[in-house]
Amino acid sequence: MKSNKKQIDFMAIKKYPFILSIFLVLIIAVVTFTKGVDLDIQFKGGSLLTYSYEGTLNKETLQKKLADEMQMSVNIQQASDVKTKAKNVIIALPNSLTSQEVENINKILNNSFKGNNFQNIAISNINPTMGHEFFIKCLVAMGLVLIFMVLFIAFKFRKIGGVLGGFTAVLALIHDVIMIFGAFVLLKFPINDNFIAVVLTIIGYSINDTIVIYDRIRENKELMPEATPIYDLVNLSINQSLKRTINTTVTTVLSVGVMYIISLYYNITSIQSFALPMIIGMLSGIYSTIFIATPLWAIFQNKKSS
């Protein structure tokens, strides 16, 4: 079952990806504790005000002006309707607003940005308690997904140490979640429903790659001599799956990349905060499958059999 083609010896370089991942996790941890995490009002409560406007608008200038005048943190997102060309700006504030405070914001916008002709089209207040409960429920949902992943892999690959394979796969998924979280923190995107959507999508995407390689390991284990070293078995299985895995990732990244470029062109920040972390998550997914989940499984299996 050995291939005549030159193969990459992934197990010979296994320590270097581990070192890289630890380094990246440490960077994310340092930035998180020093700079903090920006939770969107969906999770921490506050107010959302949506305005239509005309002409060009500098988001940073508007954000600084409102923050100075209101004496509170302000998050600004811009959006535009591709069909109607209508431009909207969404202002997120950490507190629920009174009618007087809304009126003050209207005055600030109309007096300081007269050429933009701001028109308020929507106001919504989000209760902090409901936001926290929603955030906890999202975390619980992700935790349950990981538990079911372990159980599924443990059953499906029970002939090759499925429980161990489930735990190493989940370790790789946790790595992917940390990378996505780091992308949001480093790129200064607020943690919102886009974060949950990206995480859940990448969990499914990454575990699929891992299952493909585990499947190949199971098949090769039956075909190759029983005395075949674990590391040789894993190297062969990864190399056999590599082309398919790379092709799938490249085509998916390209499609999401087009979405990201369009969102940049039309300045749609809500799509930017989904597409760019999604690309990072997909790249992390293929990386963690090849360099974390499978090598960890091989290391533990090798120790068990020795």
C-alpha atoms as a PDB file:
ATOM      1  CA  MET A   1       0.000   0.000   0.000  1.00  0.00           C
ATOM      2  CA  LYS A   2       3.050   2.252   0.004  1.00  0.00           C
ATOM      3  CA  SER A   3       3.160   4.929  -2.645  1.00  0.00           C
ATOM      4  CA  ASN A   4       6.080   5.414  -5.046  1.00  0.00           C
ATOM      5  CA  LYS A   5       5.683   9.171  -4.828  1.00  0.00           C
ATOM      6  CA  LYS A   6       7.923  11.122  -2.485  1.00  0.00           C
ATOM      7  CA  GLN A   7       6.088  11.654   0.786  1.00  0.00           C
ATOM      8  CA  ILE A   8       6.339  14.352   3.422  1.00  0.00           C
ATOM      9  CA  ASP A   9       7.486  13.024   6.786  1.00  0.00           C
ATOM     10  CA  PHE A  10       4.997  14.906   8.964  1.00  0.00           C
ATOM     11  CA  MET A  11       5.888  12.992  12.096  1.00  0.00           C
ATOM     12  CA  ALA A  12       9.562  14.010  11.804  1.00  0.00           C
ATOM     13  CA  ILE A  13       8.614  17.708  12.111  1.00  0.00           C
ATOM     14  CA  LYS A  14       5.761  17.267  14.575  1.00  0.00           C
ATOM     15  CA  LYS A  15       7.321  19.369  17.363  1.00  0.00           C
ATOM     16  CA  TYR A  16       7.590  22.552  15.277  1.00  0.00           C
ATOM     17  CA  PRO A  17       3.833  23.002  14.684  1.00  0.00           C
ATOM     18  CA  PHE A  18       3.261  22.361  18.401  1.00  0.00           C
ATOM     19  CA  ILE A  19       5.747  25.139  19.261  1.00  0.00           C
ATOM     20  CA  LEU A  20       4.124  27.498  16.720  1.00  0.00           C
ATOM     21  CA  SER A  21       0.639  26.844  18.109  1.00  0.00           C
ATOM     22  CA  ILE A  22       1.762  27.413  21.707  1.00  0.00           C
ATOM     23  CA  PHE A  23       3.436  30.655  20.613  1.00  0.00           C
ATOM     24  CA  LEU A  24       0.260  31.886  18.874  1.00  0.00           C
ATOM     25  CA  VAL A  25      -1.918  30.955  21.863  1.00  0.00           C
ATOM     26  CA  LEU A  26       0.416  32.905  24.175  1.00  0.00           C
ATOM     27  CA  ILE A  27       0.237  35.971  21.914  1.00  0.00           C
ATOM     28  CA  ILE A  28      -3.565  35.808  21.886  1.00  0.00           C
ATOM     29  CA  ALA A  29      -3.635  35.405  25.683  1.00  0.00           C
ATOM     30  CA  VAL A  30      -1.317  38.409  26.210  1.00  0.00           C
ATOM     31  CA  VAL A  31      -3.310  40.651  23.840  1.00  0.00           C
ATOM     32  CA  THR A  32      -6.589  39.526  25.424  1.00  0.00           C
ATOM     33  CA  PHE A  33      -5.472  40.343  28.975  1.00  0.00           C
ATOM     34  CA  THR A  34      -3.753  43.612  28.039  1.00  0.00           C
ATOM     35  CA  LYS A  35      -6.204  45.026  25.486  1.00  0.00           C
ATOM     36  CA  GLY A  36      -9.397  43.315  26.668  1.00  0.00           C
ATOM     37  CA  VAL A  37     -12.241  41.764  24.679  1.00  0.00           C
ATOM     38  CA  ASP A  38     -14.933  43.821  23.004  1.00  0.00           C
ATOM     39  CA  LEU A  39     -18.280  42.093  23.545  1.00  0.00           C
ATOM     40  CA  ASP A  40     -21.034  43.308  21.254  1.00  0.00           C
ATOM     41  CA  ILE A  41     -24.219  44.562  22.856  1.00  0.00           C
ATOM     42  CA  GLN A  42     -25.940  41.310  21.852  1.00  0.00           C
ATOM     43  CA  PHE A  43     -24.011  39.734  24.737  1.00  0.00           C
ATOM     44  CA  LYS A  44     -23.502  42.598  27.201  1.00  0.00           C
ATOM     45  CA  GLY A  45     -26.625  44.701  26.635  1.00  0.00           C
ATOM     46  CA  GLY A  46     -26.947  48.279  25.403  1.00  0.00           C
ATOM     47  CA  SER A  47     -28.550  50.221  22.579  1.00  0.00           C
ATOM     48  CA  LEU A  48     -28.505  50.012  18.807  1.00  0.00           C
ATOM     49  CA  LEU A  49     -29.365  53.062  16.725  1.00  0.00           C
ATOM     50  CA  THR A  50     -29.609  52.809  12.950  1.00  0.00           C
ATOM     51  CA  TYR A  51     -29.355  55.903  10.767  1.00  0.00           C
ATOM     52  CA  SER A  52     -29.491  56.426   7.044  1.00  0.00           C
ATOM     53  CA  TYR A  53     -27.078  58.978   5.629  1.00  0.00           C
ATOM     54  CA  GLU A  54     -25.886  60.549   2.401  1.00  0.00           C
ATOM     55  CA  GLY A  55     -22.452  61.230   0.930  1.00  0.00           C
ATOM     56  CA  THR A  56     -19.195  59.948   2.379  1.00  0.00           C
ATOM     57  CA  LEU A  57     -18.620  59.338   6.070  1.00  0.00           C
ATOM     58  CA  ASN A  58     -15.448  58.776   8.091  1.00  0.00           C
ATOM     59  CA  LYS A  59     -16.336  56.073  10.605  1.00  0.00           C
ATOM     60  CA  GLU A  60     -13.449  56.866  12.959  1.00  0.00           C
ATOM     61  CA  THR A  61     -14.320  60.585  13.063  1.00  0.00           C
ATOM     62  CA  LEU A  62     -17.971  59.823  13.839  1.00  0.00           C
ATOM     63  CA  GLN A  63     -17.028  57.288  16.491  1.00  0.00           C
ATOM     64  CA  LYS A  64     -14.623  59.680  18.249  1.00  0.00           C
ATOM     65  CA  LYS A  65     -17.133  62.547  18.157  1.00  0.00           C
ATOM     66  CA  LEU A  66     -19.940  60.489  19.711  1.00  0.00           C
ATOM     67  CA  ALA A  67     -17.626  58.923  22.310  1.00  0.00           C
ATOM     68  CA  ASP A  68     -16.378  62.347  23.394  1.00  0.00           C
ATOM     69  CA  GLU A  69     -19.842  63.879  23.525  1.00  0.00           C
ATOM     70  CA  MET A  70     -21.602  60.923  25.168  1.00  0.00           C
ATOM     71  CA  GLN A  71     -18.698  60.047  27.515  1.00  0.00           C
ATOM     72  CA  MET A  72     -19.034  56.327  26.772  1.00  0.00           C
ATOM     73  CA  SER A  73     -17.604  53.730  24.405  1.00  0.00           C
ATOM     74  CA  VAL A  74     -19.154  53.719  20.936  1.00  0.00           C
ATOM     75  CA  ASN A  75     -18.954  51.104  18.194  1.00  0.00           C
ATOM     76  CA  ILE A  76     -19.817  52.039  14.613  1.00  0.00           C
ATOM     77  CA  GLN A  77     -20.725  49.749  11.724  1.00  0.00           C
ATOM     78  CA  GLN A  78     -21.489  50.887   8.202  1.00  0.00           C
ATOM     79  CA  ALA A  79     -23.681  49.070   5.712  1.00  0.00           C
ATOM     80  CA  SER A  80     -25.073  49.732   2.270  1.00  0.00           C
ATOM     81  CA  ASP A  81     -27.841  48.246   0.167  1.00  0.00           C
ATOM     82  CA  VAL A  82     -26.259  47.022  -3.080  1.00  0.00           C
ATOM     83  CA  LYS A  83     -29.564  47.338  -4.940  1.00  0.00           C
ATOM     84  CA  THR A  84     -30.861  50.715  -3.696  1.00  0.00           C
ATOM     85  CA  LYS A  85     -27.426  52.213  -2.858  1.00  0.00           C
ATOM     86  CA  ALA A  86     -28.882  53.390   0.466  1.00  0.00           C
ATOM     87  CA  LYS A  87     -26.228  53.896   3.150  1.00  0.00           C
ATOM     88  CA  ASN A  88     -26.781  53.079   6.811  1.00  0.00           C
ATOM     89  CA  VAL A  89     -24.705  53.451   9.931  1.00  0.00           C
ATOM     90  CA  ILE A  90     -25.345  51.362  13.049  1.00  0.00           C
ATOM     91  CA  ILE A  91     -24.305  52.951  16.356  1.00  0.00           C
ATOM     92  CA  ALA A  92     -23.849  50.567  19.293  1.00  0.00           C
ATOM     93  CA  LEU A  93     -23.742  52.017  22.821  1.00  0.00           C
ATOM     94  CA  PRO A  94     -23.135  50.101  26.086  1.00  0.00           C
ATOM     95  CA  ASN A  95     -26.123  51.579  27.949  1.00  0.00           C
ATOM     96  CA  SER A  96     -29.866  51.736  27.395  1.00  0.00           C
ATOM     97  CA  LEU A  97     -30.767  55.237  26.229  1.00  0.00           C
ATOM     98  CA  THR A  98     -33.515  57.588  27.325  1.00  0.00           C
ATOM     99  CA  SER A  99     -35.480  59.563  24.778  1.00  0.00           C
ATOM    100  CA  GLN A 100     -33.497  62.669  25.776  1.00  0.00           C
ATOM    101  CA  GLU A 101     -30.173  60.910  25.109  1.00  0.00           C
ATOM    102  CA  VAL A 102     -31.412  59.770  21.696  1.00  0.00           C
ATOM    103  CA  GLU A 103     -32.391  63.347  20.943  1.00  0.00           C
ATOM    104  CA  ASN A 104     -28.904  64.493  21.967  1.00  0.00           C
ATOM    105  CA  ILE A 105     -27.342  62.016  19.541  1.00  0.00           C
ATOM    106  CA  ASN A 106     -29.622  63.276  16.771  1.00  0.00           C
ATOM    107  CA  LYS A 107     -28.462  66.845  17.472  1.00  0.00           C
ATOM    108  CA  ILE A 108     -24.784  65.836  17.483  1.00  0.00           C
ATOM    109  CA  LEU A 109     -25.146  64.121  14.135  1.00  0.00           C
ATOM    110  CA  ASN A 110     -27.125  66.906  12.491  1.00  0.00           C
ATOM    111  CA  ASN A 111     -24.931  69.720  13.852  1.00  0.00           C
ATOM    112  CA  SER A 112     -21.508  68.100  13.342  1.00  0.00           C
ATOM    113  CA  PHE A 113     -22.204  66.203  10.119  1.00  0.00           C
ATOM    114  CA  LYS A 114     -24.692  68.462   8.339  1.00  0.00           C
ATOM    115  CA  GLY A 115     -23.740  67.277   4.854  1.00  0.00           C
ATOM    116  CA  ASN A 116     -24.636  63.675   5.611  1.00  0.00           C
ATOM    117  CA  ASN A 117     -28.345  64.294   6.314  1.00  0.00           C
ATOM    118  CA  PHE A 118     -28.674  61.650   9.073  1.00  0.00           C
ATOM    119  CA  GLN A 119     -32.145  60.149   9.524  1.00  0.00           C
ATOM    120  CA  ASN A 120     -32.936  57.824  12.436  1.00  0.00           C
ATOM    121  CA  ILE A 121     -34.681  54.696  11.159  1.00  0.00           C
ATOM    122  CA  ALA A 122     -34.475  52.268  14.103  1.00  0.00           C
ATOM    123  CA  ILE A 123     -33.754  52.146  17.850  1.00  0.00           C
ATOM    124  CA  SER A 124     -33.491  49.048  20.038  1.00  0.00           C
ATOM    125  CA  ASN A 125     -32.457  48.513  23.648  1.00  0.00           C
ATOM    126  CA  ILE A 126     -31.029  45.154  24.744  1.00  0.00           C
ATOM    127  CA  ASN A 127     -31.319  44.079  28.371  1.00  0.00           C
ATOM    128  CA  PRO A 128     -27.874  43.184  29.873  1.00  0.00           C
ATOM    129  CA  THR A 129     -29.280  40.128  31.668  1.00  0.00           C
ATOM    130  CA  MET A 130     -30.736  38.722  28.450  1.00  0.00           C
ATOM    131  CA  GLY A 131     -27.452  39.406  26.660  1.00  0.00           C
ATOM    132  CA  HIS A 132     -25.439  37.507  29.280  1.00  0.00           C
ATOM    133  CA  GLU A 133     -27.878  34.590  29.232  1.00  0.00           C
ATOM    134  CA  PHE A 134     -27.665  34.410  25.443  1.00  0.00           C
ATOM    135  CA  PHE A 135     -23.860  34.399  25.608  1.00  0.00           C
ATOM    136  CA  ILE A 136     -23.839  31.576  28.198  1.00  0.00           C
ATOM    137  CA  LYS A 137     -26.269  29.537  26.080  1.00  0.00           C
ATOM    138  CA  CYS A 138     -23.996  29.958  23.056  1.00  0.00           C
ATOM    139  CA  LEU A 139     -20.990  28.720  25.068  1.00  0.00           C
ATOM    140  CA  VAL A 140     -23.008  25.737  26.332  1.00  0.00           C
ATOM    141  CA  ALA A 141     -24.042  24.923  22.754  1.00  0.00           C
ATOM    142  CA  MET A 142     -20.399  24.905  21.637  1.00  0.00           C
ATOM    143  CA  GLY A 143     -19.460  22.706  24.615  1.00  0.00           C
ATOM    144  CA  LEU A 144     -22.192  20.188  23.754  1.00  0.00           C
ATOM    145  CA  VAL A 145     -21.035  20.104  20.135  1.00  0.00           C
ATOM    146  CA  LEU A 146     -17.509  19.194  21.260  1.00  0.00           C
ATOM    147  CA  ILE A 147     -18.814  16.439  23.577  1.00  0.00           C
ATOM    148  CA  PHE A 148     -20.907  14.905  20.790  1.00  0.00           C
ATOM    149  CA  MET A 149     -17.876  15.059  18.503  1.00  0.00           C
ATOM    150  CA  VAL A 150     -15.856  12.964  20.967  1.00  0.00           C
ATOM    151  CA  LEU A 151     -18.667  10.400  21.280  1.00  0.00           C
ATOM    152  CA  PHE A 152     -19.185  10.187  17.509  1.00  0.00           C
ATOM    153  CA  ILE A 153     -15.484   9.696  16.725  1.00  0.00           C
ATOM    154  CA  ALA A 154     -15.084   7.260  19.633  1.00  0.00           C
ATOM    155  CA  PHE A 155     -17.824   5.067  18.143  1.00  0.00           C
ATOM    156  CA  LYS A 156     -16.946   5.447  14.449  1.00  0.00           C
ATOM    157  CA  PHE A 157     -13.220   4.763  14.918  1.00  0.00           C
ATOM    158  CA  ARG A 158     -13.357   2.365  17.857  1.00  0.00           C
ATOM    159  CA  LYS A 159     -11.067  -0.095  15.987  1.00  0.00           C
ATOM    160  CA  ILE A 160      -8.187   2.402  16.005  1.00  0.00           C
ATOM    161  CA  GLY A 161      -8.608   3.858  19.484  1.00  0.00           C
ATOM    162  CA  GLY A 162     -11.645   6.016  18.820  1.00  0.00           C
ATOM    163  CA  VAL A 163     -11.875   7.635  22.277  1.00  0.00           C
ATOM    164  CA  LEU A 164      -8.290   8.826  21.998  1.00  0.00           C
ATOM    165  CA  GLY A 165      -8.948  10.013  18.454  1.00  0.00           C
ATOM    166  CA  GLY A 166     -11.994  11.914  19.684  1.00  0.00           C
ATOM    167  CA  PHE A 167     -10.026  13.749  22.356  1.00  0.00           C
ATOM    168  CA  THR A 168      -7.156  14.668  20.038  1.00  0.00           C
ATOM    169  CA  ALA A 169      -9.671  15.887  17.441  1.00  0.00           C
ATOM    170  CA  VAL A 170     -11.363  18.040  20.081  1.00  0.00           C
ATOM    171  CA  LEU A 171      -7.992  19.445  21.161  1.00  0.00           C
ATOM    172  CA  ALA A 172      -7.475  20.495  17.546  1.00  0.00           C
ATOM    173  CA  LEU A 173     -10.964  22.046  17.480  1.00  0.00           C
ATOM    174  CA  ILE A 174     -10.214  23.981  20.669  1.00  0.00           C
ATOM    175  CA  HIS A 175      -7.065  25.217  18.931  1.00  0.00           C
ATOM    176  CA  ASP A 176      -9.224  26.416  16.011  1.00  0.00           C
ATOM    177  CA  VAL A 177     -11.654  28.188  18.346  1.00  0.00           C
ATOM    178  CA  ILE A 178      -8.740  29.989  20.022  1.00  0.00           C
ATOM    179  CA  MET A 179      -7.395  31.062  16.607  1.00  0.00           C
ATOM    180  CA  ILE A 180     -10.824  32.432  15.616  1.00  0.00           C
ATOM    181  CA  PHE A 181     -11.124  34.207  18.959  1.00  0.00           C
ATOM    182  CA  GLY A 182      -7.640  35.637  18.408  1.00  0.00           C
ATOM    183  CA  ALA A 183      -8.662  36.869  14.963  1.00  0.00           C
ATOM    184  CA  PHE A 184     -11.597  38.777  16.453  1.00  0.00           C
ATOM    185  CA  VAL A 185      -9.441  40.255  19.232  1.00  0.00           C
ATOM    186  CA  LEU A 186      -6.429  41.190  17.079  1.00  0.00           C
ATOM    187  CA  LEU A 187      -8.576  42.610  14.269  1.00  0.00           C
ATOM    188  CA  LYS A 188     -10.681  44.488  16.846  1.00  0.00           C
ATOM    189  CA  PHE A 189     -13.958  42.909  15.755  1.00  0.00           C
ATOM    190  CA  PRO A 190     -16.560  42.778  18.545  1.00  0.00           C
ATOM    191  CA  ILE A 191     -17.508  39.296  19.781  1.00  0.00           C
ATOM    192  CA  ASN A 192     -21.047  38.860  18.472  1.00  0.00           C
ATOM    193  CA  ASP A 193     -23.258  36.350  16.670  1.00  0.00           C
ATOM    194  CA  ASN A 194     -20.747  36.321  13.799  1.00  0.00           C
ATOM    195  CA  PHE A 195     -18.213  34.815  16.202  1.00  0.00           C
ATOM    196  CA  ILE A 196     -20.612  32.019  17.171  1.00  0.00           C
ATOM    197  CA  ALA A 197     -21.498  31.390  13.513  1.00  0.00           C
ATOM    198  CA  VAL A 198     -17.832  31.202  12.462  1.00  0.00           C
ATOM    199  CA  VAL A 199     -16.902  28.899  15.363  1.00  0.00           C
ATOM    200  CA  LEU A 200     -19.740  26.440  14.717  1.00  0.00           C
ATOM    201  CA  THR A 201     -19.018  26.421  10.973  1.00  0.00           C
ATOM    202  CA  ILE A 202     -15.293  25.817  11.451  1.00  0.00           C
ATOM    203  CA  ILE A 203     -15.930  23.064  14.005  1.00  0.00           C
ATOM    204  CA  GLY A 204     -17.879  21.154  11.360  1.00  0.00           C
ATOM    205  CA  TYR A 205     -15.400  22.020   8.616  1.00  0.00           C
ATOM    206  CA  SER A 206     -12.314  21.029  10.617  1.00  0.00           C
ATOM    207  CA  ILE A 207     -13.745  17.812  12.063  1.00  0.00           C
ATOM    208  CA  ASN A 208     -14.634  16.698   8.528  1.00  0.00           C
ATOM    209  CA  ASP A 209     -10.956  16.952   7.508  1.00  0.00           C
ATOM    210  CA  THR A 210      -9.925  15.033  10.620  1.00  0.00           C
ATOM    211  CA  ILE A 211     -12.447  12.264   9.955  1.00  0.00           C
ATOM    212  CA  VAL A 212     -11.146  11.894   6.377  1.00  0.00           C
ATOM    213  CA  ILE A 213      -7.616  11.235   7.663  1.00  0.00           C
ATOM    214  CA  TYR A 214      -8.843   8.946  10.465  1.00  0.00           C
ATOM    215  CA  ASP A 215     -10.772   7.001   7.847  1.00  0.00           C
ATOM    216  CA  ARG A 216      -7.640   6.626   5.776  1.00  0.00           C
ATOM    217  CA  ILE A 217      -5.689   5.464   8.845  1.00  0.00           C
ATOM    218  CA  ARG A 218      -8.344   2.833   9.558  1.00  0.00           C
ATOM    219  CA  GLU A 219      -8.251   1.548   5.970  1.00  0.00           C
ATOM    220  CA  ASN A 220      -4.459   1.479   5.814  1.00  0.00           C
ATOM    221  CA  LYS A 221      -4.228  -0.289   9.168  1.00  0.00           C
ATOM    222  CA  GLU A 222      -6.243  -3.181   7.704  1.00  0.00           C
ATOM    223  CA  LEU A 223      -4.240  -3.261   4.461  1.00  0.00           C
ATOM    224  CA  MET A 224      -0.695  -2.840   5.790  1.00  0.00           C
ATOM    225  CA  PRO A 225       1.296  -5.422   7.793  1.00  0.00           C
ATOM    226  CA  GLU A 226       0.422  -5.510  11.488  1.00  0.00           C
ATOM    227  CA  ALA A 227       4.005  -4.621  12.438  1.00  0.00           C
ATOM    228  CA  THR A 228       3.910  -1.342  10.494  1.00  0.00           C
ATOM    229  CA  PRO A 229       5.060   1.492  12.798  1.00  0.00           C
ATOM    230  CA  ILE A 230       2.337   3.957  13.816  1.00  0.00           C
ATOM    231  CA  TYR A 231       4.309   6.921  12.478  1.00  0.00           C
ATOM    232  CA  ASP A 232       4.642   5.311   9.025  1.00  0.00           C
ATOM    233  CA  LEU A 233       0.929   4.552   8.998  1.00  0.00           C
ATOM    234  CA  VAL A 234       0.055   8.147   9.876  1.00  0.00           C
ATOM    235  CA  ASN A 235       2.515   9.660   7.382  1.00  0.00           C
ATOM    236  CA  LEU A 236       1.097   7.570   4.564  1.00  0.00           C
ATOM    237  CA  SER A 237      -2.502   8.406   5.514  1.00  0.00           C
ATOM    238  CA  ILE A 238      -1.888  12.155   5.716  1.00  0.00           C
ATOM    239  CA  ASN A 239      -0.038  12.201   2.394  1.00  0.00           C
ATOM    240  CA  GLN A 240      -2.847  10.262   0.709  1.00  0.00           C
ATOM    241  CA  SER A 241      -5.419  12.778   1.995  1.00  0.00           C
ATOM    242  CA  LEU A 242      -3.307  15.896   1.488  1.00  0.00           C
ATOM    243  CA  LYS A 243      -4.263  16.798  -2.088  1.00  0.00           C
ATOM    244  CA  ARG A 244      -7.991  16.474  -1.414  1.00  0.00           C
ATOM    245  CA  THR A 245      -7.750  18.475   1.811  1.00  0.00           C
ATOM    246  CA  ILE A 246      -5.740  21.293   0.229  1.00  0.00           C
ATOM    247  CA  ASN A 247      -7.985  21.508  -2.849  1.00  0.00           C
ATOM    248  CA  THR A 248     -11.122  21.694  -0.705  1.00  0.00           C
ATOM    249  CA  THR A 249      -9.634  24.392   1.522  1.00  0.00           C
ATOM    250  CA  VAL A 250      -8.296  26.495  -1.362  1.00  0.00           C
ATOM    251  CA  THR A 251     -11.632  26.531  -3.232  1.00  0.00           C
ATOM    252  CA  THR A 252     -13.552  27.387  -0.062  1.00  0.00           C
ATOM    253  CA  VAL A 253     -11.101  30.118   0.969  1.00  0.00           C
ATOM    254  CA  LEU A 254     -11.320  31.644  -2.514  1.00  0.00           C
ATOM    255  CA  SER A 255     -15.123  31.806  -2.384  1.00  0.00           C
ATOM    256  CA  VAL A 256     -15.137  33.383   1.086  1.00  0.00           C
ATOM    257  CA  GLY A 257     -12.290  35.658  -0.016  1.00  0.00           C
ATOM    258  CA  VAL A 258     -14.467  37.023  -2.823  1.00  0.00           C
ATOM    259  CA  MET A 259     -17.164  37.720  -0.240  1.00  0.00           C
ATOM    260  CA  TYR A 260     -14.620  39.589   1.884  1.00  0.00           C
ATOM    261  CA  ILE A 261     -13.387  41.689  -1.067  1.00  0.00           C
ATOM    262  CA  ILE A 262     -16.952  42.664  -1.971  1.00  0.00           C
ATOM    263  CA  SER A 263     -17.633  43.634   1.660  1.00  0.00           C
ATOM    264  CA  LEU A 264     -14.512  45.833   1.600  1.00  0.00           C
ATOM    265  CA  TYR A 265     -15.635  47.493  -1.626  1.00  0.00           C
ATOM    266  CA  TYR A 266     -19.088  48.275  -0.261  1.00  0.00           C
ATOM    267  CA  ASN A 267     -17.755  48.871   3.286  1.00  0.00           C
ATOM    268  CA  ILE A 268     -20.071  46.276   4.876  1.00  0.00           C
ATOM    269  CA  THR A 269     -18.381  45.735   8.231  1.00  0.00           C
ATOM    270  CA  SER A 270     -20.846  43.066   9.378  1.00  0.00           C
ATOM    271  CA  ILE A 271     -19.720  40.795   6.510  1.00  0.00           C
ATOM    272  CA  GLN A 272     -16.056  41.690   7.001  1.00  0.00           C
ATOM    273  CA  SER A 273     -16.217  40.504  10.620  1.00  0.00           C
ATOM    274  CA  PHE A 274     -17.607  37.178   9.369  1.00  0.00           C
ATOM    275  CA  ALA A 275     -15.594  36.516   6.204  1.00  0.00           C
ATOM    276  CA  LEU A 276     -12.060  37.317   7.413  1.00  0.00           C
ATOM    277  CA  PRO A 277     -12.256  35.238  10.636  1.00  0.00           C
ATOM    278  CA  MET A 278     -13.848  32.470   8.551  1.00  0.00           C
ATOM    279  CA  ILE A 279     -10.812  32.413   6.245  1.00  0.00           C
ATOM    280  CA  ILE A 280      -8.477  32.317   9.248  1.00  0.00           C
ATOM    281  CA  GLY A 281     -10.580  29.543  10.790  1.00  0.00           C
ATOM    282  CA  MET A 282     -10.469  27.424   7.612  1.00  0.00           C
ATOM    283  CA  LEU A 283      -6.687  27.756   7.377  1.00  0.00           C
ATOM    284  CA  SER A 284      -6.424  26.882  11.076  1.00  0.00           C
ATOM    285  CA  GLY A 285      -8.718  23.893  10.475  1.00  0.00           C
ATOM    286  CA  ILE A 286      -6.493  22.281   7.836  1.00  0.00           C
ATOM    287  CA  TYR A 287      -3.415  23.101   9.915  1.00  0.00           C
ATOM    288  CA  SER A 288      -4.808  21.598  13.121  1.00  0.00           C
ATOM    289  CA  THR A 289      -5.986  18.446  11.347  1.00  0.00           C
ATOM    290  CA  ILE A 290      -2.608  17.728   9.765  1.00  0.00           C
ATOM    291  CA  PHE A 291      -0.250  19.045  12.443  1.00  0.00           C
ATOM    292  CA  ILE A 292      -2.156  18.659  15.733  1.00  0.00           C
ATOM    293  CA  ALA A 293      -5.005  16.117  15.804  1.00  0.00           C
ATOM    294  CA  THR A 294      -3.375  13.334  13.798  1.00  0.00           C
ATOM    295  CA  PRO A 295       0.200  13.652  15.175  1.00  0.00           C
ATOM    296  CA  LEU A 296      -1.144  13.767  18.753  1.00  0.00           C
ATOM    297  CA  TRP A 297      -3.154  10.610  18.089  1.00  0.00           C
ATOM    298  CA  ALA A 298      -0.021   8.934  16.700  1.00  0.00           C
ATOM    299  CA  ILE A 299       2.114   9.991  19.676  1.00  0.00           C
ATOM    300  CA  PHE A 300      -0.373   8.660  22.228  1.00  0.00           C
ATOM    301  CA  GLN A 301      -0.969   5.463  20.261  1.00  0.00           C
ATOM    302  CA  ASN A 302       2.780   4.907  19.952  1.00  0.00           C
ATOM    303  CA  LYS A 303       3.194   5.281  23.716  1.00  0.00           C
ATOM    304  CA  LYS A 304       0.332   2.846  24.340  1.00  0.00           C
ATOM    305  CA  SER A 305       1.826   0.173  22.101  1.00  0.00           C
ATOM    306  CA  SER A 306       5.423   0.575  23.332  1.00  0.00           C
END
